[in-house]
Amino acid sequence: MLALVLAMLLCVALGVGVVGYVMIEARREGRGEFWTPEGEELIAGARRRGEQVRSRGEQLGRSAAQRTQALRERRRSASTAPSAQDDAPGEYPAAS
């Protein structure tokens, strides 16, 4: 088991060394930029789309909360009517 762990650590160390060497060589040759202009535009578009989705989700959440509140108020007003059942507060009547 110890040999397996040591072998895995050796492989990870060698991998880090190779990646570091390639990164240094690429930077020396002037290829140090991580994203191309097209890649940056894709990332910016994804961020914009994420913001749009997030704002739409918030709108849907607010409208759902408002609808839920309206349903609760309707059920409370219906339970105070003379034909109200003996349900505990906060419980909905069973479906027939």
N, C-alpha and C. Protein backbone atom coordinates (compact mmCIF):
# COMPACT_ATOMS: atom_id res chain seq x y z
N MET A 1 0.82 -1.19 0.00
CA MET A 1 0.00 0.00 0.00
C MET A 1 0.87 1.25 0.00
N LEU A 2 1.92 1.23 0.80
CA LEU A 2 2.83 2.37 0.86
C LEU A 2 3.49 2.58 -0.50
N ALA A 3 3.86 1.49 -1.16
CA ALA A 3 4.49 1.60 -2.47
C ALA A 3 3.53 2.24 -3.48
N LEU A 4 2.26 1.88 -3.39
CA LEU A 4 1.26 2.45 -4.30
C LEU A 4 1.12 3.95 -4.07
N VAL A 5 1.05 4.37 -2.82
CA VAL A 5 0.93 5.79 -2.51
C VAL A 5 2.16 6.55 -2.98
N LEU A 6 3.34 6.00 -2.74
CA LEU A 6 4.57 6.66 -3.18
C LEU A 6 4.63 6.76 -4.71
N ALA A 7 4.20 5.71 -5.40
CA ALA A 7 4.19 5.73 -6.86
C ALA A 7 3.22 6.80 -7.37
N MET A 8 2.06 6.92 -6.72
CA MET A 8 1.10 7.94 -7.13
C MET A 8 1.65 9.34 -6.90
N LEU A 9 2.30 9.56 -5.77
CA LEU A 9 2.90 10.86 -5.49
C LEU A 9 4.00 11.18 -6.49
N LEU A 10 4.78 10.19 -6.87
CA LEU A 10 5.84 10.38 -7.87
C LEU A 10 5.23 10.78 -9.22
N CYS A 11 4.14 10.11 -9.60
CA CYS A 11 3.48 10.44 -10.87
C CYS A 11 2.91 11.86 -10.85
N VAL A 12 2.33 12.26 -9.74
CA VAL A 12 1.78 13.61 -9.63
C VAL A 12 2.90 14.63 -9.71
N ALA A 13 4.01 14.37 -9.03
CA ALA A 13 5.15 15.29 -9.06
C ALA A 13 5.72 15.41 -10.47
N LEU A 14 5.84 14.30 -11.18
CA LEU A 14 6.32 14.34 -12.56
C LEU A 14 5.35 15.12 -13.45
N GLY A 15 4.07 14.93 -13.26
CA GLY A 15 3.08 15.66 -14.05
C GLY A 15 3.15 17.15 -13.80
N VAL A 16 3.31 17.56 -12.55
CA VAL A 16 3.43 18.98 -12.22
C VAL A 16 4.69 19.54 -12.85
N GLY A 17 5.77 18.77 -12.83
CA GLY A 17 7.02 19.22 -13.44
C GLY A 17 6.88 19.43 -14.94
N VAL A 18 6.23 18.51 -15.62
CA VAL A 18 6.05 18.63 -17.07
C VAL A 18 5.17 19.83 -17.41
N VAL A 19 4.07 20.01 -16.69
CA VAL A 19 3.19 21.14 -16.95
C VAL A 19 3.92 22.45 -16.69
N GLY A 20 4.68 22.52 -15.62
CA GLY A 20 5.45 23.73 -15.32
C GLY A 20 6.47 24.04 -16.40
N TYR A 21 7.17 23.01 -16.88
CA TYR A 21 8.17 23.20 -17.93
C TYR A 21 7.52 23.73 -19.21
N VAL A 22 6.41 23.13 -19.61
CA VAL A 22 5.72 23.56 -20.83
C VAL A 22 5.20 24.98 -20.67
N MET A 23 4.70 25.32 -19.49
CA MET A 23 4.19 26.66 -19.25
C MET A 23 5.31 27.70 -19.36
N ILE A 24 6.46 27.40 -18.79
CA ILE A 24 7.60 28.33 -18.85
C ILE A 24 8.07 28.51 -20.29
N GLU A 25 8.17 27.43 -21.04
CA GLU A 25 8.60 27.51 -22.43
C GLU A 25 7.60 28.29 -23.27
N ALA A 26 6.32 28.09 -23.05
CA ALA A 26 5.31 28.82 -23.82
C ALA A 26 5.37 30.31 -23.50
N ARG A 27 5.62 30.65 -22.27
CA ARG A 27 5.70 32.06 -21.89
C ARG A 27 6.92 32.71 -22.53
N ARG A 28 8.00 31.98 -22.62
CA ARG A 28 9.21 32.52 -23.26
C ARG A 28 8.98 32.80 -24.73
N GLU A 29 8.16 31.98 -25.36
CA GLU A 29 7.89 32.15 -26.79
C GLU A 29 6.77 33.16 -27.05
N GLY A 30 6.25 33.78 -26.02
CA GLY A 30 5.22 34.81 -26.19
C GLY A 30 3.81 34.27 -26.26
N ARG A 31 3.62 33.03 -25.90
CA ARG A 31 2.28 32.46 -25.90
C ARG A 31 1.74 32.36 -24.48
N GLY A 32 1.95 33.39 -23.69
CA GLY A 32 1.56 33.35 -22.29
C GLY A 32 0.12 33.71 -22.03
N GLU A 33 -0.59 34.21 -23.06
CA GLU A 33 -1.99 34.55 -22.86
C GLU A 33 -2.80 33.27 -22.75
N PHE A 34 -3.65 33.24 -21.78
CA PHE A 34 -4.43 32.02 -21.53
C PHE A 34 -5.60 31.90 -22.49
N TRP A 35 -6.34 32.99 -22.68
CA TRP A 35 -7.51 32.97 -23.54
C TRP A 35 -7.22 33.71 -24.85
N THR A 36 -7.76 33.20 -25.92
CA THR A 36 -7.75 33.91 -27.19
C THR A 36 -8.89 34.93 -27.15
N PRO A 37 -8.91 35.91 -28.05
CA PRO A 37 -10.04 36.85 -28.07
C PRO A 37 -11.39 36.15 -28.25
N GLU A 38 -11.42 35.09 -29.05
CA GLU A 38 -12.67 34.35 -29.23
C GLU A 38 -13.09 33.66 -27.94
N GLY A 39 -12.10 33.11 -27.23
CA GLY A 39 -12.40 32.46 -25.95
C GLY A 39 -12.90 33.45 -24.92
N GLU A 40 -12.31 34.64 -24.90
CA GLU A 40 -12.77 35.67 -23.97
C GLU A 40 -14.20 36.09 -24.28
N GLU A 41 -14.55 36.17 -25.56
CA GLU A 41 -15.92 36.52 -25.94
C GLU A 41 -16.89 35.42 -25.52
N LEU A 42 -16.49 34.16 -25.67
CA LEU A 42 -17.34 33.06 -25.22
C LEU A 42 -17.59 33.13 -23.72
N ILE A 43 -16.53 33.39 -22.96
CA ILE A 43 -16.67 33.49 -21.51
C ILE A 43 -17.56 34.66 -21.13
N ALA A 44 -17.38 35.81 -21.80
CA ALA A 44 -18.21 36.98 -21.51
C ALA A 44 -19.68 36.69 -21.84
N GLY A 45 -19.92 36.00 -22.95
CA GLY A 45 -21.29 35.64 -23.32
C GLY A 45 -21.91 34.69 -22.30
N ALA A 46 -21.13 33.75 -21.82
CA ALA A 46 -21.64 32.82 -20.80
C ALA A 46 -21.97 33.56 -19.51
N ARG A 47 -21.14 34.52 -19.14
CA ARG A 47 -21.43 35.30 -17.93
C ARG A 47 -22.69 36.13 -18.10
N ARG A 48 -22.84 36.75 -19.28
CA ARG A 48 -24.06 37.54 -19.53
C ARG A 48 -25.30 36.65 -19.46
N ARG A 49 -25.20 35.49 -20.09
CA ARG A 49 -26.34 34.56 -20.09
C ARG A 49 -26.64 34.08 -18.68
N GLY A 50 -25.61 33.85 -17.90
CA GLY A 50 -25.81 33.44 -16.51
C GLY A 50 -26.53 34.50 -15.71
N GLU A 51 -26.17 35.76 -15.94
CA GLU A 51 -26.85 36.86 -15.24
C GLU A 51 -28.32 36.94 -15.66
N GLN A 52 -28.59 36.73 -16.95
CA GLN A 52 -29.97 36.76 -17.43
C GLN A 52 -30.78 35.63 -16.79
N VAL A 53 -30.19 34.45 -16.75
CA VAL A 53 -30.89 33.30 -16.16
C VAL A 53 -31.13 33.53 -14.67
N ARG A 54 -30.14 34.09 -13.99
CA ARG A 54 -30.28 34.35 -12.56
C ARG A 54 -31.40 35.36 -12.29
N SER A 55 -31.44 36.44 -13.09
CA SER A 55 -32.49 37.45 -12.87
C SER A 55 -33.87 36.88 -13.19
N ARG A 56 -33.96 36.06 -14.23
CA ARG A 56 -35.25 35.44 -14.56
C ARG A 56 -35.68 34.48 -13.45
N GLY A 57 -34.74 33.74 -12.90
CA GLY A 57 -35.06 32.85 -11.79
C GLY A 57 -35.56 33.60 -10.58
N GLU A 58 -34.94 34.75 -10.30
CA GLU A 58 -35.41 35.56 -9.18
C GLU A 58 -36.82 36.07 -9.43
N GLN A 59 -37.12 36.47 -10.67
CA GLN A 59 -38.47 36.93 -10.99
C GLN A 59 -39.48 35.80 -10.80
N LEU A 60 -39.13 34.61 -11.28
CA LEU A 60 -40.04 33.48 -11.13
C LEU A 60 -40.23 33.12 -9.66
N GLY A 61 -39.16 33.20 -8.89
CA GLY A 61 -39.26 32.91 -7.46
C GLY A 61 -40.16 33.89 -6.74
N ARG A 62 -40.02 35.18 -7.09
CA ARG A 62 -40.88 36.19 -6.47
C ARG A 62 -42.34 35.98 -6.84
N SER A 63 -42.61 35.70 -8.12
CA SER A 63 -44.00 35.52 -8.53
C SER A 63 -44.58 34.25 -7.90
N ALA A 64 -43.77 33.21 -7.75
CA ALA A 64 -44.26 32.00 -7.10
C ALA A 64 -44.57 32.26 -5.64
N ALA A 65 -43.74 33.05 -4.98
CA ALA A 65 -43.99 33.39 -3.58
C ALA A 65 -45.28 34.20 -3.45
N GLN A 66 -45.51 35.11 -4.38
CA GLN A 66 -46.73 35.91 -4.34
C GLN A 66 -47.97 35.04 -4.56
N ARG A 67 -47.87 34.09 -5.51
CA ARG A 67 -49.00 33.20 -5.76
C ARG A 67 -49.27 32.31 -4.55
N THR A 68 -48.20 31.83 -3.92
CA THR A 68 -48.36 30.99 -2.73
C THR A 68 -49.02 31.78 -1.61
N GLN A 69 -48.60 33.01 -1.42
CA GLN A 69 -49.20 33.86 -0.39
C GLN A 69 -50.68 34.10 -0.68
N ALA A 70 -51.01 34.34 -1.93
CA ALA A 70 -52.42 34.56 -2.29
C ALA A 70 -53.25 33.30 -2.03
N LEU A 71 -52.69 32.12 -2.33
CA LEU A 71 -53.41 30.88 -2.06
C LEU A 71 -53.63 30.69 -0.56
N ARG A 72 -52.60 30.99 0.23
CA ARG A 72 -52.74 30.86 1.68
C ARG A 72 -53.85 31.77 2.20
N GLU A 73 -53.88 33.01 1.71
CA GLU A 73 -54.90 33.95 2.16
C GLU A 73 -56.29 33.47 1.76
N ARG A 74 -56.42 32.93 0.55
CA ARG A 74 -57.72 32.42 0.11
C ARG A 74 -58.17 31.24 0.96
N ARG A 75 -57.23 30.35 1.28
CA ARG A 75 -57.59 29.18 2.09
C ARG A 75 -57.93 29.59 3.52
N ARG A 76 -57.23 30.58 4.04
CA ARG A 76 -57.54 31.06 5.39
C ARG A 76 -58.92 31.71 5.42
N SER A 77 -59.22 32.50 4.40
CA SER A 77 -60.54 33.14 4.37
C SER A 77 -61.63 32.10 4.16
N ALA A 78 -61.34 31.05 3.41
CA ALA A 78 -62.32 29.99 3.21
C ALA A 78 -62.51 29.18 4.49
N SER A 79 -61.46 29.03 5.28
CA SER A 79 -61.59 28.24 6.51
C SER A 79 -62.32 29.01 7.60
N THR A 80 -62.40 30.33 7.49
CA THR A 80 -63.15 31.12 8.48
C THR A 80 -64.63 31.21 8.11
N ALA A 81 -64.99 30.70 6.96
CA ALA A 81 -66.39 30.70 6.54
C ALA A 81 -67.18 29.75 7.44
N PRO A 82 -68.52 29.90 7.54
CA PRO A 82 -69.32 29.04 8.43
C PRO A 82 -69.23 27.56 8.09
N SER A 83 -68.97 27.20 6.84
CA SER A 83 -68.90 25.80 6.47
C SER A 83 -67.48 25.26 6.58
N ALA A 84 -66.67 25.87 7.39
CA ALA A 84 -65.27 25.47 7.51
C ALA A 84 -65.17 24.14 8.23
N GLN A 85 -64.18 23.36 7.84
CA GLN A 85 -63.93 22.08 8.48
C GLN A 85 -63.08 22.31 9.71
N ASP A 86 -62.95 21.29 10.54
CA ASP A 86 -62.16 21.40 11.76
C ASP A 86 -60.71 21.02 11.50
N ASP A 87 -60.09 21.63 10.54
CA ASP A 87 -58.68 21.37 10.25
C ASP A 87 -57.83 22.24 11.14
N ALA A 88 -56.65 21.75 11.43
CA ALA A 88 -55.70 22.54 12.21
C ALA A 88 -55.19 23.68 11.33
N PRO A 89 -54.81 24.81 11.94
CA PRO A 89 -54.29 25.92 11.12
C PRO A 89 -53.03 25.50 10.38
N GLY A 90 -52.93 25.90 9.15
CA GLY A 90 -51.76 25.58 8.35
C GLY A 90 -51.89 24.27 7.60
N GLU A 91 -52.90 23.46 7.91
CA GLU A 91 -53.12 22.21 7.19
C GLU A 91 -54.17 22.45 6.12
N TYR A 92 -53.98 21.79 5.01
CA TYR A 92 -54.92 21.94 3.92
C TYR A 92 -55.96 20.83 4.02
N PRO A 93 -57.19 21.10 3.63
CA PRO A 93 -58.21 20.06 3.68
C PRO A 93 -57.85 18.92 2.73
N ALA A 94 -58.23 17.73 3.11
CA ALA A 94 -57.93 16.55 2.29
C ALA A 94 -58.75 16.60 1.01
N ALA A 95 -58.15 16.11 -0.06
CA ALA A 95 -58.84 16.08 -1.34
C ALA A 95 -59.89 14.98 -1.32
N SER A 96 -61.04 15.24 -1.91
CA SER A 96 -62.11 14.25 -1.92
C SER A 96 -62.09 13.48 -3.20
